[in-house]
């Protein structure tokens, strides 16, 4: 009997440990289930955030393309005006640029 009473506190602590482990396992299962229930909502929110970001980028790209188009048109008008003012100078500048580009391209073949 003396042995039995000596093991009673140990058995009691072991029982408490088992009960705590069961409670921890239940809590873990509940947490996993909460995560599974929240997943569709999180997926929808992520999709919406992604779509909003894509729409914003499309708008910014459209604005940049419009601005580039405007600048290209301005540069084109400037070049036409300069060519009409000084046709000989513009022709010589174009020939010089073509010659330099030709040398650069031909230099890579040697």
PDB file of N, CA and C in Angstrom:
ATOM      1  N   UNK A   1       0.788  -1.188   0.000  1.00  0.00           N
ATOM      2  CA  UNK A   1       0.000   0.000   0.000  1.00  0.00           C
ATOM      3  C   UNK A   1       0.840   1.267   0.000  1.00  0.00           C
ATOM      4  N   UNK A   2       1.999   1.182   0.591  1.00  0.00           N
ATOM      5  CA  UNK A   2       2.864   2.348   0.644  1.00  0.00           C
ATOM      6  C   UNK A   2       3.309   2.735  -0.745  1.00  0.00           C
ATOM      7  N   UNK A   3       3.485   1.758  -1.621  1.00  0.00           N
ATOM      8  CA  UNK A   3       3.896   2.036  -2.981  1.00  0.00           C
ATOM      9  C   UNK A   3       2.767   2.702  -3.748  1.00  0.00           C
ATOM     10  N   UNK A   4       1.569   2.256  -3.506  1.00  0.00           N
ATOM     11  CA  UNK A   4       0.421   2.811  -4.212  1.00  0.00           C
ATOM     12  C   UNK A   4       0.258   4.288  -3.877  1.00  0.00           C
ATOM     13  N   UNK A   5       0.406   4.654  -2.614  1.00  0.00           N
ATOM     14  CA  UNK A   5       0.233   6.042  -2.228  1.00  0.00           C
ATOM     15  C   UNK A   5       1.373   6.909  -2.745  1.00  0.00           C
ATOM     16  N   UNK A   6       2.549   6.334  -2.967  1.00  0.00           N
ATOM     17  CA  UNK A   6       3.680   7.087  -3.483  1.00  0.00           C
ATOM     18  C   UNK A   6       3.482   7.411  -4.961  1.00  0.00           C
ATOM     19  N   UNK A   7       2.785   6.543  -5.674  1.00  0.00           N
ATOM     20  CA  UNK A   7       2.536   6.768  -7.100  1.00  0.00           C
ATOM     21  C   UNK A   7       1.281   7.601  -7.376  1.00  0.00           C
ATOM     22  N   UNK A   8       0.445   7.822  -6.387  1.00  0.00           N
ATOM     23  CA  UNK A   8      -0.789   8.592  -6.593  1.00  0.00           C
ATOM     24  C   UNK A   8      -0.514  10.003  -7.123  1.00  0.00           C
ATOM     25  N   UNK A   9       0.427  10.770  -6.565  1.00  0.00           N
ATOM     26  CA  UNK A   9       0.688  12.109  -7.125  1.00  0.00           C
ATOM     27  C   UNK A   9       1.224  12.038  -8.551  1.00  0.00           C
ATOM     28  N   UNK A  10       2.049  11.017  -8.835  1.00  0.00           N
ATOM     29  CA  UNK A  10       2.602  10.876 -10.179  1.00  0.00           C
ATOM     30  C   UNK A  10       1.488  10.535 -11.163  1.00  0.00           C
ATOM     31  N   UNK A  11       0.595   9.633 -10.789  1.00  0.00           N
ATOM     32  CA  UNK A  11      -0.529   9.242 -11.642  1.00  0.00           C
ATOM     33  C   UNK A  11      -1.465  10.428 -11.847  1.00  0.00           C
ATOM     34  N   UNK A  12      -1.649  11.207 -10.810  1.00  0.00           N
ATOM     35  CA  UNK A  12      -2.509  12.392 -10.920  1.00  0.00           C
ATOM     36  C   UNK A  12      -1.905  13.398 -11.903  1.00  0.00           C
ATOM     37  N   UNK A  13      -0.589  13.632 -11.804  1.00  0.00           N
ATOM     38  CA  UNK A  13       0.081  14.555 -12.726  1.00  0.00           C
ATOM     39  C   UNK A  13       0.041  14.021 -14.148  1.00  0.00           C
ATOM     40  N   UNK A  14       0.206  12.719 -14.320  1.00  0.00           N
ATOM     41  CA  UNK A  14       0.147  12.124 -15.654  1.00  0.00           C
ATOM     42  C   UNK A  14      -1.250  12.294 -16.236  1.00  0.00           C
ATOM     43  N   UNK A  15      -2.265  12.105 -15.414  1.00  0.00           N
ATOM     44  CA  UNK A  15      -3.642  12.304 -15.881  1.00  0.00           C
ATOM     45  C   UNK A  15      -3.885  13.748 -16.285  1.00  0.00           C
ATOM     46  N   UNK A  16      -3.360  14.683 -15.509  1.00  0.00           N
ATOM     47  CA  UNK A  16      -3.490  16.102 -15.857  1.00  0.00           C
ATOM     48  C   UNK A  16      -2.785  16.404 -17.175  1.00  0.00           C
ATOM     49  N   UNK A  17      -1.616  15.810 -17.359  1.00  0.00           N
ATOM     50  CA  UNK A  17      -0.851  16.019 -18.597  1.00  0.00           C
ATOM     51  C   UNK A  17      -1.609  15.482 -19.794  1.00  0.00           C
ATOM     52  N   UNK A  18      -2.232  14.319 -19.660  1.00  0.00           N
ATOM     53  CA  UNK A  18      -3.025  13.739 -20.746  1.00  0.00           C
ATOM     54  C   UNK A  18      -4.226  14.625 -21.045  1.00  0.00           C
ATOM     55  N   UNK A  19      -4.878  15.116 -20.007  1.00  0.00           N
ATOM     56  CA  UNK A  19      -6.029  16.005 -20.208  1.00  0.00           C
ATOM     57  C   UNK A  19      -5.613  17.290 -20.919  1.00  0.00           C
ATOM     58  N   UNK A  20      -4.473  17.835 -20.525  1.00  0.00           N
ATOM     59  CA  UNK A  20      -3.963  19.051 -21.177  1.00  0.00           C
ATOM     60  C   UNK A  20      -3.624  18.790 -22.644  1.00  0.00           C
ATOM     61  N   UNK A  21      -3.046  17.630 -22.920  1.00  0.00           N
ATOM     62  CA  UNK A  21      -2.710  17.284 -24.305  1.00  0.00           C
ATOM     63  C   UNK A  21      -3.979  17.145 -25.139  1.00  0.00           C
ATOM     64  N   UNK A  22      -5.014  16.532 -24.586  1.00  0.00           N
ATOM     65  CA  UNK A  22      -6.295  16.403 -25.312  1.00  0.00           C
ATOM     66  C   UNK A  22      -6.896  17.781 -25.595  1.00  0.00           C
ATOM     67  N   UNK A  23      -6.856  18.652 -24.596  1.00  0.00           N
ATOM     68  CA  UNK A  23      -7.397  20.006 -24.782  1.00  0.00           C
ATOM     69  C   UNK A  23      -6.599  20.757 -25.854  1.00  0.00           C
ATOM     70  N   UNK A  24      -5.288  20.609 -25.859  1.00  0.00           N
ATOM     71  CA  UNK A  24      -4.445  21.252 -26.872  1.00  0.00           C
ATOM     72  C   UNK A  24      -4.776  20.715 -28.256  1.00  0.00           C
ATOM     73  N   UNK A  25      -4.991  19.416 -28.375  1.00  0.00           N
ATOM     74  CA  UNK A  25      -5.348  18.820 -29.668  1.00  0.00           C
ATOM     75  C   UNK A  25      -6.699  19.341 -30.137  1.00  0.00           C
ATOM     76  N   UNK A  26      -7.676  19.461 -29.210  1.00  0.00           N
ATOM     77  CA  UNK A  26      -8.989  20.015 -29.585  1.00  0.00           C
ATOM     78  C   UNK A  26      -8.854  21.459 -30.062  1.00  0.00           C
ATOM     79  N   UNK A  27      -8.060  22.235 -29.350  1.00  0.00           N
ATOM     80  CA  UNK A  27      -7.847  23.632 -29.742  1.00  0.00           C
ATOM     81  C   UNK A  27      -7.190  23.717 -31.115  1.00  0.00           C
ATOM     82  N   UNK A  28      -6.242  22.835 -31.375  1.00  0.00           N
ATOM     83  CA  UNK A  28      -5.571  22.833 -32.681  1.00  0.00           C
ATOM     84  C   UNK A  28      -6.555  22.482 -33.790  1.00  0.00           C
ATOM     85  N   UNK A  29      -7.407  21.479 -33.553  1.00  0.00           N
ATOM     86  CA  UNK A  29      -8.417  21.115 -34.563  1.00  0.00           C
ATOM     87  C   UNK A  29      -9.378  22.276 -34.821  1.00  0.00           C
ATOM     88  N   UNK A  30      -9.794  22.963 -33.764  1.00  0.00           N
ATOM     89  CA  UNK A  30     -10.706  24.103 -33.919  1.00  0.00           C
ATOM     90  C   UNK A  30     -10.037  25.225 -34.715  1.00  0.00           C
ATOM     91  N   UNK A  31      -8.765  25.453 -34.435  1.00  0.00           N
ATOM     92  CA  UNK A  31      -8.033  26.496 -35.147  1.00  0.00           C
ATOM     93  C   UNK A  31      -7.904  26.152 -36.627  1.00  0.00           C
ATOM     94  N   UNK A  32      -7.633  24.895 -36.933  1.00  0.00           N
ATOM     95  CA  UNK A  32      -7.537  24.466 -38.328  1.00  0.00           C
ATOM     96  C   UNK A  32      -8.880  24.644 -39.023  1.00  0.00           C
ATOM     97  N   UNK A  33      -9.957  24.293 -38.350  1.00  0.00           N
ATOM     98  CA  UNK A  33     -11.291  24.450 -38.945  1.00  0.00           C
ATOM     99  C   UNK A  33     -11.619  25.927 -39.182  1.00  0.00           C
ATOM    100  N   UNK A  34     -11.252  26.792 -38.254  1.00  0.00           N
ATOM    101  CA  UNK A  34     -11.473  28.226 -38.442  1.00  0.00           C
ATOM    102  C   UNK A  34     -10.702  28.721 -39.660  1.00  0.00           C
ATOM    103  N   UNK A  35      -9.476  28.232 -39.812  1.00  0.00           N
ATOM    104  CA  UNK A  35      -8.675  28.602 -40.984  1.00  0.00           C
ATOM    105  C   UNK A  35      -9.310  28.134 -42.277  1.00  0.00           C
ATOM    106  N   UNK A  36      -9.831  26.927 -42.276  1.00  0.00           N
ATOM    107  CA  UNK A  36     -10.494  26.404 -43.473  1.00  0.00           C
ATOM    108  C   UNK A  36     -11.742  27.208 -43.807  1.00  0.00           C
ATOM    109  N   UNK A  37     -12.490  27.614 -42.784  1.00  0.00           N
ATOM    110  CA  UNK A  37     -13.696  28.422 -43.042  1.00  0.00           C
ATOM    111  C   UNK A  37     -13.332  29.818 -43.549  1.00  0.00           C
ATOM    112  N   UNK A  38     -12.214  30.361 -43.077  1.00  0.00           N
ATOM    113  CA  UNK A  38     -11.808  31.717 -43.475  1.00  0.00           C
ATOM    114  C   UNK A  38     -11.134  31.748 -44.835  1.00  0.00           C
ATOM    115  N   UNK A  39     -10.675  30.615 -45.324  1.00  0.00           N
ATOM    116  CA  UNK A  39      -9.919  30.573 -46.574  1.00  0.00           C
ATOM    117  C   UNK A  39     -10.677  31.135 -47.778  1.00  0.00           C
ATOM    118  N   UNK A  40     -11.950  30.781 -48.021  1.00  0.00           N
ATOM    119  CA  UNK A  40     -12.643  31.363 -49.188  1.00  0.00           C
ATOM    120  C   UNK A  40     -12.747  32.889 -49.116  1.00  0.00           C
ATOM    121  N   UNK A  41     -12.997  33.408 -47.917  1.00  0.00           N
ATOM    122  CA  UNK A  41     -13.093  34.863 -47.770  1.00  0.00           C
ATOM    123  C   UNK A  41     -11.738  35.512 -48.065  1.00  0.00           C
ATOM    124  N   UNK A  42     -10.676  34.930 -47.523  1.00  0.00           N
ATOM    125  CA  UNK A  42      -9.335  35.469 -47.773  1.00  0.00           C
ATOM    126  C   UNK A  42      -8.984  35.384 -49.251  1.00  0.00           C
ATOM    127  N   UNK A  43      -9.389  34.291 -49.885  1.00  0.00           N
ATOM    128  CA  UNK A  43      -9.127  34.131 -51.316  1.00  0.00           C
ATOM    129  C   UNK A  43      -9.843  35.226 -52.113  1.00  0.00           C
ATOM    130  N   UNK A  44     -11.094  35.494 -51.755  1.00  0.00           N
ATOM    131  CA  UNK A  44     -11.847  36.551 -52.437  1.00  0.00           C
ATOM    132  C   UNK A  44     -11.221  37.922 -52.235  1.00  0.00           C
ATOM    133  N   UNK A  45     -10.775  38.191 -51.023  1.00  0.00           N
ATOM    134  CA  UNK A  45     -10.142  39.481 -50.742  1.00  0.00           C
ATOM    135  C   UNK A  45      -8.830  39.625 -51.505  1.00  0.00           C
ATOM    136  N   UNK A  46      -8.067  38.545 -51.571  1.00  0.00           N
ATOM    137  CA  UNK A  46      -6.801  38.588 -52.314  1.00  0.00           C
ATOM    138  C   UNK A  46      -7.063  38.811 -53.801  1.00  0.00           C
ATOM    139  N   UNK A  47      -8.076  38.143 -54.345  1.00  0.00           N
ATOM    140  CA  UNK A  47      -8.427  38.304 -55.761  1.00  0.00           C
ATOM    141  C   UNK A  47      -8.851  39.746 -56.038  1.00  0.00           C
ATOM    142  N   UNK A  48      -9.654  40.317 -55.141  1.00  0.00           N
ATOM    143  CA  UNK A  48     -10.107  41.698 -55.322  1.00  0.00           C
ATOM    144  C   UNK A  48      -8.925  42.658 -55.270  1.00  0.00           C
ATOM    145  N   UNK A  49      -8.016  42.457 -54.319  1.00  0.00           N
ATOM    146  CA  UNK A  49      -6.840  43.328 -54.218  1.00  0.00           C
ATOM    147  C   UNK A  49      -5.977  43.207 -55.471  1.00  0.00           C
ATOM    148  N   UNK A  50      -5.810  41.990 -55.971  1.00  0.00           N
ATOM    149  CA  UNK A  50      -5.031  41.775 -57.185  1.00  0.00           C
ATOM    150  C   UNK A  50      -5.692  42.470 -58.374  1.00  0.00           C
ATOM    151  N   UNK A  51      -7.009  42.292 -58.532  1.00  0.00           N
ATOM    152  CA  UNK A  51      -7.727  42.922 -59.643  1.00  0.00           C
ATOM    153  C   UNK A  51      -7.658  44.443 -59.563  1.00  0.00           C
ATOM    154  N   UNK A  52      -7.786  44.977 -58.350  1.00  0.00           N
ATOM    155  CA  UNK A  52      -7.678  46.431 -58.186  1.00  0.00           C
ATOM    156  C   UNK A  52      -6.285  46.924 -58.588  1.00  0.00           C
ATOM    157  N   UNK A  53      -5.260  46.174 -58.197  1.00  0.00           N
ATOM    158  CA  UNK A  53      -3.895  46.550 -58.561  1.00  0.00           C
ATOM    159  C   UNK A  53      -3.673  46.510 -60.061  1.00  0.00           C
ATOM    160  N   UNK A  54      -4.223  45.479 -60.712  1.00  0.00           N
ATOM    161  CA  UNK A  54      -4.088  45.369 -62.166  1.00  0.00           C
ATOM    162  C   UNK A  54      -4.813  46.526 -62.853  1.00  0.00           C
ATOM    163  N   UNK A  55      -6.010  46.857 -62.373  1.00  0.00           N
ATOM    164  CA  UNK A  55      -6.755  47.981 -62.958  1.00  0.00           C
ATOM    165  C   UNK A  55      -5.987  49.289 -62.792  1.00  0.00           C
ATOM    166  N   UNK A  56      -5.383  49.465 -61.634  1.00  0.00           N
ATOM    167  CA  UNK A  56      -4.601  50.685 -61.395  1.00  0.00           C
ATOM    168  C   UNK A  56      -3.402  50.738 -62.336  1.00  0.00           C
ATOM    169  N   UNK A  57      -2.709  49.618 -62.500  1.00  0.00           N
ATOM    170  CA  UNK A  57      -1.560  49.589 -63.412  1.00  0.00           C
ATOM    171  C   UNK A  57      -1.982  49.844 -64.856  1.00  0.00           C
ATOM    172  N   UNK A  58      -3.138  49.309 -65.251  1.00  0.00           N
ATOM    173  CA  UNK A  58      -3.635  49.568 -66.611  1.00  0.00           C
ATOM    174  C   UNK A  58      -3.881  51.052 -66.826  1.00  0.00           C
ATOM    175  N   UNK A  59      -4.475  51.687 -65.835  1.00  0.00           N
ATOM    176  CA  UNK A  59      -4.724  53.121 -65.935  1.00  0.00           C
ATOM    177  C   UNK A  59      -3.437  53.916 -66.040  1.00  0.00           C
ATOM    178  N   UNK A  60      -2.454  53.543 -65.233  1.00  0.00           N
ATOM    179  CA  UNK A  60      -1.173  54.244 -65.272  1.00  0.00           C
ATOM    180  C   UNK A  60      -0.467  54.009 -66.607  1.00  0.00           C
ATOM    181  N   UNK A  61      -0.553  52.790 -67.127  1.00  0.00           N
ATOM    182  CA  UNK A  61       0.080  52.495 -68.418  1.00  0.00           C
ATOM    183  C   UNK A  61      -0.601  53.277 -69.535  1.00  0.00           C
ATOM    184  N   UNK A  62      -1.922  53.367 -69.460  1.00  0.00           N
ATOM    185  CA  UNK A  62      -2.664  54.127 -70.468  1.00  0.00           C
ATOM    186  C   UNK A  62      -2.261  55.603 -70.428  1.00  0.00           C
ATOM    187  N   UNK A  63      -2.138  56.155 -69.214  1.00  0.00           N
ATOM    188  CA  UNK A  63      -1.720  57.557 -69.069  1.00  0.00           C
ATOM    189  C   UNK A  63      -0.308  57.770 -69.618  1.00  0.00           C
ATOM    190  N   UNK A  64       0.594  56.838 -69.317  1.00  0.00           N
ATOM    191  CA  UNK A  64       1.968  56.956 -69.807  1.00  0.00           C
ATOM    192  C   UNK A  64       2.016  56.857 -71.333  1.00  0.00           C
ATOM    193  N   UNK A  65       1.207  55.966 -71.905  1.00  0.00           N
ATOM    194  CA  UNK A  65       1.181  55.825 -73.366  1.00  0.00           C
ATOM    195  C   UNK A  65       0.627  57.092 -74.015  1.00  0.00           C
ATOM    196  N   UNK A  66      -0.404  57.662 -73.410  1.00  0.00           N
ATOM    197  CA  UNK A  66      -0.956  58.912 -73.944  1.00  0.00           C
ATOM    198  C   UNK A  66       0.066  60.036 -73.883  1.00  0.00           C
ATOM    199  N   UNK A  67       0.773  60.112 -72.778  1.00  0.00           N
ATOM    200  CA  UNK A  67       1.783  61.161 -72.626  1.00  0.00           C
ATOM    201  C   UNK A  67       2.925  60.950 -73.630  1.00  0.00           C
ATOM    202  N   UNK A  68       3.361  59.712 -73.809  1.00  0.00           N
ATOM    203  CA  UNK A  68       4.428  59.429 -74.774  1.00  0.00           C
ATOM    204  C   UNK A  68       3.974  59.770 -76.185  1.00  0.00           C
ATOM    205  N   UNK A  69       2.723  59.472 -76.489  1.00  0.00           N
ATOM    206  CA  UNK A  69       2.188  59.785 -77.811  1.00  0.00           C
ATOM    207  C   UNK A  69       2.172  61.300 -78.045  1.00  0.00           C
ATOM    208  N   UNK A  70       1.771  62.042 -77.029  1.00  0.00           N
ATOM    209  CA  UNK A  70       1.767  63.501 -77.137  1.00  0.00           C
ATOM    210  C   UNK A  70       3.185  64.039 -77.347  1.00  0.00           C
ATOM    211  N   UNK A  71       4.132  63.509 -76.599  1.00  0.00           N
ATOM    212  CA  UNK A  71       5.515  63.958 -76.728  1.00  0.00           C
ATOM    213  C   UNK A  71       6.092  63.588 -78.095  1.00  0.00           C
ATOM    214  N   UNK A  72       5.734  62.409 -78.593  1.00  0.00           N
ATOM    215  CA  UNK A  72       6.194  62.005 -79.916  1.00  0.00           C
ATOM    216  C   UNK A  72       5.625  62.942 -80.981  1.00  0.00           C
ATOM    217  N   UNK A  73       4.355  63.298 -80.837  1.00  0.00           N
ATOM    218  CA  UNK A  73       3.748  64.232 -81.788  1.00  0.00           C
ATOM    219  C   UNK A  73       4.428  65.583 -81.758  1.00  0.00           C
ATOM    220  N   UNK A  74       4.760  66.053 -80.566  1.00  0.00           N
ATOM    221  CA  UNK A  74       5.460  67.334 -80.430  1.00  0.00           C
ATOM    222  C   UNK A  74       6.842  67.256 -81.075  1.00  0.00           C
ATOM    223  N   UNK A  75       7.558  66.159 -80.831  1.00  0.00           N
ATOM    224  CA  UNK A  75       8.889  65.993 -81.426  1.00  0.00           C
ATOM    225  C   UNK A  75       8.792  65.925 -82.949  1.00  0.00           C
ATOM    226  N   UNK A  76       7.775  65.271 -83.448  1.00  0.00           N
ATOM    227  CA  UNK A  76       7.587  65.166 -84.902  1.00  0.00           C
ATOM    228  C   UNK A  76       7.353  66.557 -85.508  1.00  0.00           C
ATOM    229  N   UNK A  77       6.494  67.345 -84.884  1.00  0.00           N
ATOM    230  CA  UNK A  77       6.246  68.703 -85.373  1.00  0.00           C
ATOM    231  C   UNK A  77       7.522  69.545 -85.337  1.00  0.00           C
ATOM    232  N   UNK A  78       8.283  69.396 -84.271  1.00  0.00           N
ATOM    233  CA  UNK A  78       9.537  70.142 -84.146  1.00  0.00           C
ATOM    234  C   UNK A  78      10.488  69.778 -85.287  1.00  0.00           C
ATOM    235  N   UNK A  79      10.617  68.469 -85.563  1.00  0.00           N
ATOM    236  CA  UNK A  79      11.522  68.018 -86.633  1.00  0.00           C
ATOM    237  C   UNK A  79      11.046  68.531 -88.000  1.00  0.00           C
ATOM    238  N   UNK A  80       9.768  68.483 -88.250  1.00  0.00           N
ATOM    239  CA  UNK A  80       9.240  68.950 -89.539  1.00  0.00           C
ATOM    240  C   UNK A  80       9.517  70.438 -89.702  1.00  0.00           C
ATOM    241  N   UNK A  81       9.295  71.210 -88.632  1.00  0.00           N
ATOM    242  CA  UNK A  81       9.557  72.647 -88.703  1.00  0.00           C
ATOM    243  C   UNK A  81      11.036  72.926 -88.966  1.00  0.00           C
ATOM    244  N   UNK A  82      11.927  72.219 -88.287  1.00  0.00           N
ATOM    245  CA  UNK A  82      13.361  72.436 -88.472  1.00  0.00           C
ATOM    246  C   UNK A  82      13.788  72.028 -89.885  1.00  0.00           C
ATOM    247  N   UNK A  83      13.200  70.961 -90.410  1.00  0.00           N
ATOM    248  CA  UNK A  83      13.547  70.528 -91.768  1.00  0.00           C
ATOM    249  C   UNK A  83      13.067  71.541 -92.796  1.00  0.00           C
ATOM    250  N   UNK A  84      11.913  72.159 -92.550  1.00  0.00           N
ATOM    251  CA  UNK A  84      11.410  73.160 -93.488  1.00  0.00           C
ATOM    252  C   UNK A  84      12.229  74.445 -93.407  1.00  0.00           C
ATOM    253  N   UNK A  85      12.713  74.790 -92.219  1.00  0.00           N
ATOM    254  CA  UNK A  85      13.517  75.994 -92.057  1.00  0.00           C
ATOM    255  C   UNK A  85      14.897  75.838 -92.698  1.00  0.00           C
ATOM    256  N   UNK A  86      15.515  74.652 -92.495  1.00  0.00           N
ATOM    257  CA  UNK A  86      16.879  74.423 -92.984  1.00  0.00           C
ATOM    258  C   UNK A  86      16.972  73.047 -93.630  1.00  0.00           C
ATOM    259  N   UNK A  87      16.519  72.904 -94.846  1.00  0.00           N
ATOM    260  CA  UNK A  87      16.499  71.575 -95.478  1.00  0.00           C
ATOM    261  C   UNK A  87      17.903  70.999 -95.713  1.00  0.00           C
ATOM    262  N   UNK A  88      18.861  71.828 -96.075  1.00  0.00           N
ATOM    263  CA  UNK A  88      20.218  71.334 -96.360  1.00  0.00           C
ATOM    264  C   UNK A  88      20.851  70.830 -95.063  1.00  0.00           C
ATOM    265  N   UNK A  89      20.743  71.597 -94.000  1.00  0.00           N
ATOM    266  CA  UNK A  89      21.321  71.199 -92.715  1.00  0.00           C
ATOM    267  C   UNK A  89      20.680  69.911 -92.221  1.00  0.00           C
ATOM    268  N   UNK A  90      19.368  69.799 -92.345  1.00  0.00           N
ATOM    269  CA  UNK A  90      18.661  68.601 -91.895  1.00  0.00           C
ATOM    270  C   UNK A  90      19.095  67.379 -92.703  1.00  0.00           C
ATOM    271  N   UNK A  91      19.273  67.569 -94.007  1.00  0.00           N
ATOM    272  CA  UNK A  91      19.700  66.454 -94.866  1.00  0.00           C
ATOM    273  C   UNK A  91      21.103  66.003 -94.488  1.00  0.00           C
ATOM    274  N   UNK A  92      22.011  66.959 -94.284  1.00  0.00           N
ATOM    275  CA  UNK A  92      23.377  66.610 -93.893  1.00  0.00           C
ATOM    276  C   UNK A  92      23.417  65.934 -92.520  1.00  0.00           C
ATOM    277  N   UNK A  93      22.582  66.395 -91.609  1.00  0.00           N
ATOM    278  CA  UNK A  93      22.528  65.777 -90.277  1.00  0.00           C
ATOM    279  C   UNK A  93      22.020  64.343 -90.378  1.00  0.00           C
ATOM    280  N   UNK A  94      21.004  64.108 -91.211  1.00  0.00           N
ATOM    281  CA  UNK A  94      20.475  62.755 -91.396  1.00  0.00           C
ATOM    282  C   UNK A  94      21.518  61.848 -92.037  1.00  0.00           C
ATOM    283  N   UNK A  95      22.238  62.370 -93.042  1.00  0.00           N
ATOM    284  CA  UNK A  95      23.291  61.577 -93.682  1.00  0.00           C
ATOM    285  C   UNK A  95      24.408  61.247 -92.688  1.00  0.00           C
ATOM    286  N   UNK A  96      24.773  62.216 -91.862  1.00  0.00           N
ATOM    287  CA  UNK A  96      25.819  61.988 -90.851  1.00  0.00           C
ATOM    288  C   UNK A  96      25.389  60.947 -89.830  1.00  0.00           C
ATOM    289  N   UNK A  97      24.157  61.044 -89.379  1.00  0.00           N
ATOM    290  CA  UNK A  97      23.657  60.062 -88.416  1.00  0.00           C
ATOM    291  C   UNK A  97      23.618  58.670 -89.048  1.00  0.00           C
ATOM    292  N   UNK A  98      23.194  58.582 -90.282  1.00  0.00           N
ATOM    293  CA  UNK A  98      23.169  57.296 -90.981  1.00  0.00           C
ATOM    294  C   UNK A  98      24.558  56.716 -91.143  1.00  0.00           C
ATOM    295  N   UNK A  99      25.524  57.576 -91.450  1.00  0.00           N
ATOM    296  CA  UNK A  99      26.905  57.126 -91.620  1.00  0.00           C
ATOM    297  C   UNK A  99      27.455  56.574 -90.296  1.00  0.00           C
ATOM    298  N   UNK A 100      27.215  57.296 -89.197  1.00  0.00           N
ATOM    299  CA  UNK A 100      27.694  56.858 -87.883  1.00  0.00           C
ATOM    300  C   UNK A 100      27.035  55.539 -87.492  1.00  0.00           C
ATOM    301  N   UNK A 101      25.740  55.416 -87.701  1.00  0.00           N
ATOM    302  CA  UNK A 101      25.056  54.159 -87.392  1.00  0.00           C
ATOM    303  C   UNK A 101      25.589  53.018 -88.246  1.00  0.00           C
ATOM    304  N   UNK A 102      25.853  53.306 -89.519  1.00  0.00           N
ATOM    305  CA  UNK A 102      26.424  52.284 -90.401  1.00  0.00           C
ATOM    306  C   UNK A 102      27.776  51.811 -89.912  1.00  0.00           C
ATOM    307  N   UNK A 103      28.612  52.744 -89.468  1.00  0.00           N
ATOM    308  CA  UNK A 103      29.918  52.363 -88.921  1.00  0.00           C
ATOM    309  C   UNK A 103      29.769  51.513 -87.658  1.00  0.00           C
ATOM    310  N   UNK A 104      28.827  51.899 -86.803  1.00  0.00           N
ATOM    311  CA  UNK A 104      28.621  51.137 -85.560  1.00  0.00           C
ATOM    312  C   UNK A 104      28.165  49.709 -85.863  1.00  0.00           C
ATOM    313  N   UNK A 105      27.239  49.558 -86.799  1.00  0.00           N
ATOM    314  CA  UNK A 105      26.752  48.228 -87.142  1.00  0.00           C
ATOM    315  C   UNK A 105      27.802  47.411 -87.867  1.00  0.00           C
ATOM    316  N   UNK A 106      28.552  48.035 -88.750  1.00  0.00           N
ATOM    317  CA  UNK A 106      29.586  47.325 -89.492  1.00  0.00           C
ATOM    318  C   UNK A 106      30.759  46.965 -88.594  1.00  0.00           C
ATOM    319  N   UNK A 107      31.021  47.772 -87.574  1.00  0.00           N
ATOM    320  CA  UNK A 107      32.128  47.496 -86.664  1.00  0.00           C
ATOM    321  C   UNK A 107      31.959  46.196 -85.927  1.00  0.00           C
ATOM    322  N   UNK A 108      30.760  45.760 -85.682  1.00  0.00           N
ATOM    323  CA  UNK A 108      30.507  44.511 -84.973  1.00  0.00           C
ATOM    324  C   UNK A 108      30.768  43.296 -85.839  1.00  0.00           C
ATOM    325  N   UNK A 109      30.866  43.464 -87.151  1.00  0.00           N
ATOM    326  CA  UNK A 109      31.053  42.332 -88.070  1.00  0.00           C
ATOM    327  C   UNK A 109      32.516  42.004 -88.272  1.00  0.00           C
ATOM    328  N   UNK A 110      33.399  42.910 -87.949  1.00  0.00           N
ATOM    329  CA  UNK A 110      34.837  42.706 -88.208  1.00  0.00           C
ATOM    330  C   UNK A 110      35.467  41.837 -87.185  1.00  0.00           C
TER     331      UNK A 110
END
